């Protein structure tokens, strides 16, 4: 249904990633597999951190927060996208669209802040090992985590307000697979310059600032690692840092193009959004923790508790 120019839009059509039925079926299988791995990986990590006392450290505390944000972020988008891939009527109400937008922004901005906090934690651990315990106290960890979630909420409220305060009385077909601010702004029935500038400035705060801090932190880490005498230690550190930086570049790079480059095509932004909404929530627990020796040990201990006669 198309709304007239005089009537406020009450629902949107999500056009998705493709209108080809065969392609949609393939995308359904792919997205379902990614979502299941995301759920299992993040739930497993959070469970391990909660039950294993050896993982009660600042690094895993932040990873647990990141896993919670990843899990909720993916769940806010993936199930609806999966349903729409198998249905002909890809409709979402204005209210549900607004809720999805708000939740997505809260969790996405929180992830941005948490990744910066985690890079600082690694910087403190590798570059200042003798003072690490006095720098990253549990009080500081809780404050940093709470600050990350608070920042996410504030950023989301601002972006959502500037997006939804505009009138939507024309087209109600969103060229996307979920409700995202740039895609919604293109449907507004008035000039969107003020809203675009507000979202751009917020992007500077929540995207460019954290990624700059992350790059500076890893720069110091790399310098410290190069000075290590142990070749094995250098190789291990570079392998870990390299994996972390791949995820950071994938997440921040796709988000920056989507929110801070208005001249990018809608199709390009739609494809890039797949990376930070579905791929990175799946990769984070795999790269940040499940490859770790301590986590592997925790998995074996948990398996021994659950299946005592099989391990």
Protein backbone atom coordinates (compact mmCIF):
# COMPACT_ATOMS: atom_id res chain seq x y z
CA UNK A 1 0.00 0.00 0.00
CA UNK A 2 1.28 3.45 -0.91
CA UNK A 3 0.43 6.36 1.29
CA UNK A 4 -0.74 9.63 -0.23
CA UNK A 5 1.21 12.83 0.19
CA UNK A 6 -1.31 14.05 2.78
CA UNK A 7 -1.29 10.94 4.95
CA UNK A 8 1.39 9.98 7.45
CA UNK A 9 2.99 6.64 6.64
CA UNK A 10 1.90 3.94 9.09
CA UNK A 11 3.91 1.04 7.67
CA UNK A 12 6.94 0.40 5.50
CA UNK A 13 7.85 -2.17 2.86
CA UNK A 14 11.35 -3.59 3.29
CA UNK A 15 12.60 -4.45 -0.19
CA UNK A 16 15.40 -6.63 1.18
CA UNK A 17 18.68 -7.62 -0.44
CA UNK A 18 17.15 -9.15 -3.57
CA UNK A 19 13.79 -9.61 -5.28
CA UNK A 20 14.83 -12.88 -6.92
CA UNK A 21 13.09 -15.84 -5.15
CA UNK A 22 16.03 -18.21 -5.71
CA UNK A 23 18.52 -15.66 -4.38
CA UNK A 24 16.28 -15.02 -1.36
CA UNK A 25 16.28 -18.74 -0.54
CA UNK A 26 20.09 -18.84 -0.70
CA UNK A 27 20.29 -15.70 1.45
CA UNK A 28 17.91 -17.29 3.95
CA UNK A 29 20.20 -20.31 4.35
CA UNK A 30 23.27 -18.08 4.65
CA UNK A 31 21.70 -15.66 7.14
CA UNK A 32 20.23 -18.50 9.20
CA UNK A 33 23.61 -20.21 9.45
CA UNK A 34 25.34 -16.96 10.44
CA UNK A 35 22.66 -16.16 13.03
CA UNK A 36 22.82 -19.63 14.62
CA UNK A 37 26.62 -19.42 14.89
CA UNK A 38 26.25 -15.92 16.37
CA UNK A 39 23.77 -17.09 19.02
CA UNK A 40 25.73 -20.21 19.97
CA UNK A 41 29.11 -18.47 20.01
CA UNK A 42 28.04 -15.49 22.09
CA UNK A 43 25.91 -17.52 24.53
CA UNK A 44 28.78 -19.97 24.99
CA UNK A 45 31.24 -17.18 25.68
CA UNK A 46 28.97 -15.47 28.21
CA UNK A 47 28.29 -18.80 29.94
CA UNK A 48 32.00 -19.61 30.16
CA UNK A 49 32.84 -16.20 31.63
CA UNK A 50 30.10 -16.57 34.23
CA UNK A 51 30.97 -20.11 35.41
CA UNK A 52 34.78 -20.20 35.12
CA UNK A 53 36.61 -18.19 37.78
CA UNK A 54 39.78 -18.12 35.64
CA UNK A 55 37.91 -15.93 33.16
CA UNK A 56 36.90 -13.38 35.79
CA UNK A 57 39.33 -10.81 34.42
CA UNK A 58 38.80 -7.33 32.89
CA UNK A 59 39.37 -8.60 29.34
CA UNK A 60 36.67 -11.25 29.58
CA UNK A 61 34.35 -8.90 31.47
CA UNK A 62 34.44 -6.54 28.47
CA UNK A 63 34.13 -9.47 26.07
CA UNK A 64 31.02 -10.61 27.94
CA UNK A 65 29.51 -7.14 27.50
CA UNK A 66 30.44 -7.20 23.80
CA UNK A 67 28.87 -10.64 23.39
CA UNK A 68 25.65 -9.44 25.00
CA UNK A 69 25.55 -6.42 22.66
CA UNK A 70 26.36 -8.63 19.64
CA UNK A 71 23.68 -11.17 20.52
CA UNK A 72 20.97 -8.54 21.02
CA UNK A 73 22.12 -6.58 17.96
CA UNK A 74 21.85 -9.60 15.68
CA UNK A 75 18.55 -10.74 17.24
CA UNK A 76 17.05 -7.30 16.66
CA UNK A 77 17.61 -7.64 12.90
CA UNK A 78 18.19 -11.24 11.75
CA UNK A 79 14.89 -12.99 12.71
CA UNK A 80 12.75 -10.39 10.95
CA UNK A 81 15.05 -10.42 7.90
CA UNK A 82 14.79 -14.23 7.77
CA UNK A 83 10.99 -14.13 7.89
CA UNK A 84 10.85 -11.50 5.14
CA UNK A 85 13.15 -13.59 2.92
CA UNK A 86 10.47 -16.30 2.83
CA UNK A 87 7.39 -14.06 2.65
CA UNK A 88 5.89 -12.01 -0.14
CA UNK A 89 4.60 -9.17 2.02
CA UNK A 90 7.65 -7.63 3.64
CA UNK A 91 5.80 -5.14 5.82
CA UNK A 92 6.83 -3.55 9.11
CA UNK A 93 4.75 -1.05 11.06
CA UNK A 94 6.06 2.45 11.69
CA UNK A 95 6.19 1.72 15.43
CA UNK A 96 8.15 -1.52 15.02
CA UNK A 97 10.46 0.20 12.53
CA UNK A 98 11.12 2.99 15.04
CA UNK A 99 11.79 0.44 17.81
CA UNK A 100 14.16 -1.55 15.60
CA UNK A 101 16.00 1.65 14.66
CA UNK A 102 16.40 2.72 18.30
CA UNK A 103 17.56 -0.70 19.52
CA UNK A 104 19.97 -1.10 16.60
CA UNK A 105 21.53 2.28 17.30
CA UNK A 106 21.83 1.64 21.04
CA UNK A 107 23.59 -1.68 20.53
CA UNK A 108 25.70 -0.53 17.58
CA UNK A 109 26.96 2.58 19.38
CA UNK A 110 27.62 0.50 22.51
CA UNK A 111 29.72 -1.90 20.44
CA UNK A 112 31.75 1.04 19.11
CA UNK A 113 32.48 2.25 22.64
CA UNK A 114 33.23 -1.25 23.96
CA UNK A 115 35.73 -1.99 21.18
CA UNK A 116 37.60 1.20 22.11
CA UNK A 117 37.54 0.25 25.80
CA UNK A 118 38.83 -3.22 24.98
CA UNK A 119 41.71 -1.79 22.95
CA UNK A 120 42.65 0.38 25.95
CA UNK A 121 42.52 -2.70 28.19
CA UNK A 122 44.91 -4.56 25.85
CA UNK A 123 47.17 -1.49 25.71
CA UNK A 124 47.34 -1.38 29.50
CA UNK A 125 47.98 -5.14 29.75
CA UNK A 126 50.75 -5.28 27.12
CA UNK A 127 52.41 -1.86 27.45
CA UNK A 128 52.08 -1.43 31.23
CA UNK A 129 51.97 -4.99 32.63
CA UNK A 130 53.42 -4.06 36.03
CA UNK A 131 50.72 -1.45 36.66
CA UNK A 132 47.85 -3.27 34.91
CA UNK A 133 46.11 -4.49 38.07
CA UNK A 134 46.14 -0.99 39.58
CA UNK A 135 44.94 0.62 36.32
CA UNK A 136 42.13 -1.79 35.45
CA UNK A 137 40.46 -2.27 38.82
CA UNK A 138 36.97 -3.76 38.91
CA UNK A 139 35.54 -0.36 39.75
CA UNK A 140 37.16 1.13 36.64
CA UNK A 141 35.96 -1.81 34.53
CA UNK A 142 32.36 -1.38 35.66
CA UNK A 143 32.54 2.36 35.05
CA UNK A 144 33.94 1.86 31.54
CA UNK A 145 31.28 -0.74 30.68
CA UNK A 146 28.48 1.40 32.11
CA UNK A 147 29.86 4.40 30.23
CA UNK A 148 29.81 2.41 26.98
CA UNK A 149 26.15 1.44 27.40
CA UNK A 150 25.20 4.99 28.44
CA UNK A 151 26.98 6.40 25.40
CA UNK A 152 25.08 3.95 23.20
CA UNK A 153 21.74 5.08 24.63
CA UNK A 154 22.53 8.79 24.25
CA UNK A 155 23.74 8.38 20.66
CA UNK A 156 20.68 6.30 19.76
CA UNK A 157 18.24 8.81 21.24
CA UNK A 158 19.80 11.68 19.28
CA UNK A 159 19.99 9.80 15.95
CA UNK A 160 16.48 8.34 16.32
CA UNK A 161 15.01 11.72 17.22
CA UNK A 162 16.56 13.46 14.22
CA UNK A 163 15.40 10.61 11.96
CA UNK A 164 11.81 10.21 13.17
CA UNK A 165 11.00 13.89 13.71
CA UNK A 166 10.74 14.27 9.92
CA UNK A 167 7.39 13.80 8.13
CA UNK A 168 6.98 10.59 6.12
CA UNK A 169 4.07 11.07 3.72
CA UNK A 170 5.38 9.84 0.39
CA UNK A 171 6.95 6.54 -0.58
CA UNK A 172 7.00 3.84 2.08
CA UNK A 173 9.33 1.37 0.33
CA UNK A 174 12.66 1.08 2.14
CA UNK A 175 15.52 -0.16 -0.05
CA UNK A 176 16.98 -2.20 2.79
CA UNK A 177 16.46 -5.37 4.81
CA UNK A 178 15.93 -3.53 8.11
CA UNK A 179 15.07 -0.05 9.36
CA UNK A 180 18.24 2.05 9.29
CA UNK A 181 18.55 5.83 9.62
CA UNK A 182 20.12 6.61 6.19
CA UNK A 183 17.54 4.46 4.38
CA UNK A 184 14.66 6.12 6.26
CA UNK A 185 15.95 9.65 5.64
CA UNK A 186 15.75 9.06 1.89
CA UNK A 187 11.96 8.65 2.26
CA UNK A 188 11.33 11.83 4.25
CA UNK A 189 8.90 14.33 2.72
CA UNK A 190 11.04 17.35 3.54
CA UNK A 191 14.63 18.55 3.44
CA UNK A 192 16.85 16.24 5.52
CA UNK A 193 20.03 18.35 5.66
CA UNK A 194 19.78 19.14 9.39
CA UNK A 195 19.14 15.49 10.29
CA UNK A 196 21.97 14.30 8.05
CA UNK A 197 24.40 16.79 9.61
CA UNK A 198 23.34 15.75 13.14
CA UNK A 199 23.87 12.08 12.31
CA UNK A 200 27.22 12.90 10.67
CA UNK A 201 28.43 14.78 13.76
CA UNK A 202 27.28 11.96 16.02
CA UNK A 203 29.17 9.60 13.71
CA UNK A 204 32.36 11.60 14.31
CA UNK A 205 31.90 11.09 18.05
CA UNK A 206 30.92 7.43 18.09
CA UNK A 207 32.76 6.14 15.00
CA UNK A 208 35.84 8.22 14.17
CA UNK A 209 36.85 8.96 17.77
CA UNK A 210 36.82 5.31 18.98
CA UNK A 211 38.53 3.99 15.84
CA UNK A 212 41.25 6.64 16.27
CA UNK A 213 41.78 5.55 19.89
CA UNK A 214 41.90 1.92 18.79
CA UNK A 215 44.52 2.59 16.12
CA UNK A 216 46.65 4.60 18.56
CA UNK A 217 46.39 1.83 21.19
CA UNK A 218 47.35 -0.87 18.72
CA UNK A 219 50.16 1.31 17.41
CA UNK A 220 51.68 1.38 20.91
CA UNK A 221 51.01 -2.35 21.28
CA UNK A 222 52.81 -3.13 18.02
CA UNK A 223 55.83 -1.05 19.08
CA UNK A 224 55.95 -2.92 22.40
CA UNK A 225 55.60 -6.29 20.68
CA UNK A 226 58.41 -5.52 18.22
CA UNK A 227 60.72 -4.91 21.19
CA UNK A 228 59.98 -8.35 22.64
CA UNK A 229 62.96 -10.70 22.71
CA UNK A 230 60.89 -13.83 22.20
CA UNK A 231 60.13 -14.55 18.53
CA UNK A 232 57.26 -16.85 19.54
CA UNK A 233 55.80 -14.11 21.74
CA UNK A 234 56.00 -11.60 18.89
CA UNK A 235 54.33 -14.01 16.46
CA UNK A 236 51.50 -14.77 18.91
CA UNK A 237 50.92 -11.10 19.69
CA UNK A 238 50.93 -10.09 16.03
CA UNK A 239 48.53 -12.92 15.18
CA UNK A 240 46.12 -11.81 17.92
CA UNK A 241 46.38 -8.09 17.11
CA UNK A 242 45.98 -8.79 13.40
CA UNK A 243 42.77 -10.75 13.98
CA UNK A 244 41.39 -8.03 16.23
CA UNK A 245 42.22 -5.29 13.71
CA UNK A 246 40.50 -7.20 10.90
CA UNK A 247 37.24 -7.22 12.89
CA UNK A 248 37.67 -3.57 13.89
CA UNK A 249 38.27 -2.45 10.30
CA UNK A 250 35.37 -4.55 9.04
CA UNK A 251 32.96 -3.17 11.65
CA UNK A 252 34.02 0.47 11.69
CA UNK A 253 34.79 0.67 7.97
CA UNK A 254 31.35 -0.49 6.87
CA UNK A 255 29.60 1.66 9.51
CA UNK A 256 31.59 4.77 8.57
CA UNK A 257 30.72 4.39 4.88
CA UNK A 258 27.05 3.89 5.74
CA UNK A 259 26.63 6.79 8.16
CA UNK A 260 29.26 9.31 7.08
CA UNK A 261 29.40 9.19 3.27
CA UNK A 262 26.07 10.53 1.93
CA UNK A 263 27.20 10.19 -1.71
CA UNK A 264 27.57 6.41 -1.46
CA UNK A 265 24.95 4.45 -3.36
CA UNK A 266 22.03 2.87 -1.53
CA UNK A 267 23.01 -0.54 -2.86
CA UNK A 268 26.56 -0.15 -1.56
CA UNK A 269 25.36 0.91 1.89
CA UNK A 270 22.89 -1.97 2.00
CA UNK A 271 25.58 -4.55 1.23
CA UNK A 272 28.06 -2.99 3.68
CA UNK A 273 25.47 -3.04 6.46
CA UNK A 274 25.45 -6.85 6.19
CA UNK A 275 28.98 -6.87 7.59
CA UNK A 276 28.37 -4.90 10.79
CA UNK A 277 24.88 -6.27 11.46
CA UNK A 278 25.46 -9.99 10.83
CA UNK A 279 29.10 -10.87 10.12
CA UNK A 280 30.97 -9.08 12.93
CA UNK A 281 28.58 -10.27 15.70
CA UNK A 282 29.43 -13.79 14.54
CA UNK A 283 33.19 -13.17 14.25
CA UNK A 284 33.71 -11.33 17.55
CA UNK A 285 33.41 -14.35 19.91
CA UNK A 286 35.41 -16.52 17.48
CA UNK A 287 38.31 -14.11 17.03
CA UNK A 288 38.42 -12.38 20.41
CA UNK A 289 38.04 -15.37 22.65
CA UNK A 290 37.16 -18.85 21.37
CA UNK A 291 40.65 -19.12 19.81
CA UNK A 292 42.15 -18.31 23.21
CA UNK A 293 43.90 -20.98 25.28
CA UNK A 294 42.07 -20.00 28.49
CA UNK A 295 38.68 -20.20 26.78
CA UNK A 296 39.50 -23.57 25.24
CA UNK A 297 40.38 -24.83 28.72
CA UNK A 298 37.10 -23.47 30.08
CA UNK A 299 35.21 -25.25 27.28
CA UNK A 300 36.85 -28.56 28.18
CA UNK A 301 36.01 -28.11 31.88
CA UNK A 302 32.41 -27.22 31.07
CA UNK A 303 32.11 -30.22 28.77
CA UNK A 304 33.53 -32.44 31.52
CA UNK A 305 30.81 -31.21 33.90
CA UNK A 306 28.01 -31.75 31.41
CA UNK A 307 29.28 -35.03 29.93
CA UNK A 308 31.43 -36.57 32.71
CA UNK A 309 31.57 -40.01 31.10
CA UNK A 310 32.34 -38.82 27.60
CA UNK A 311 35.28 -36.44 28.24
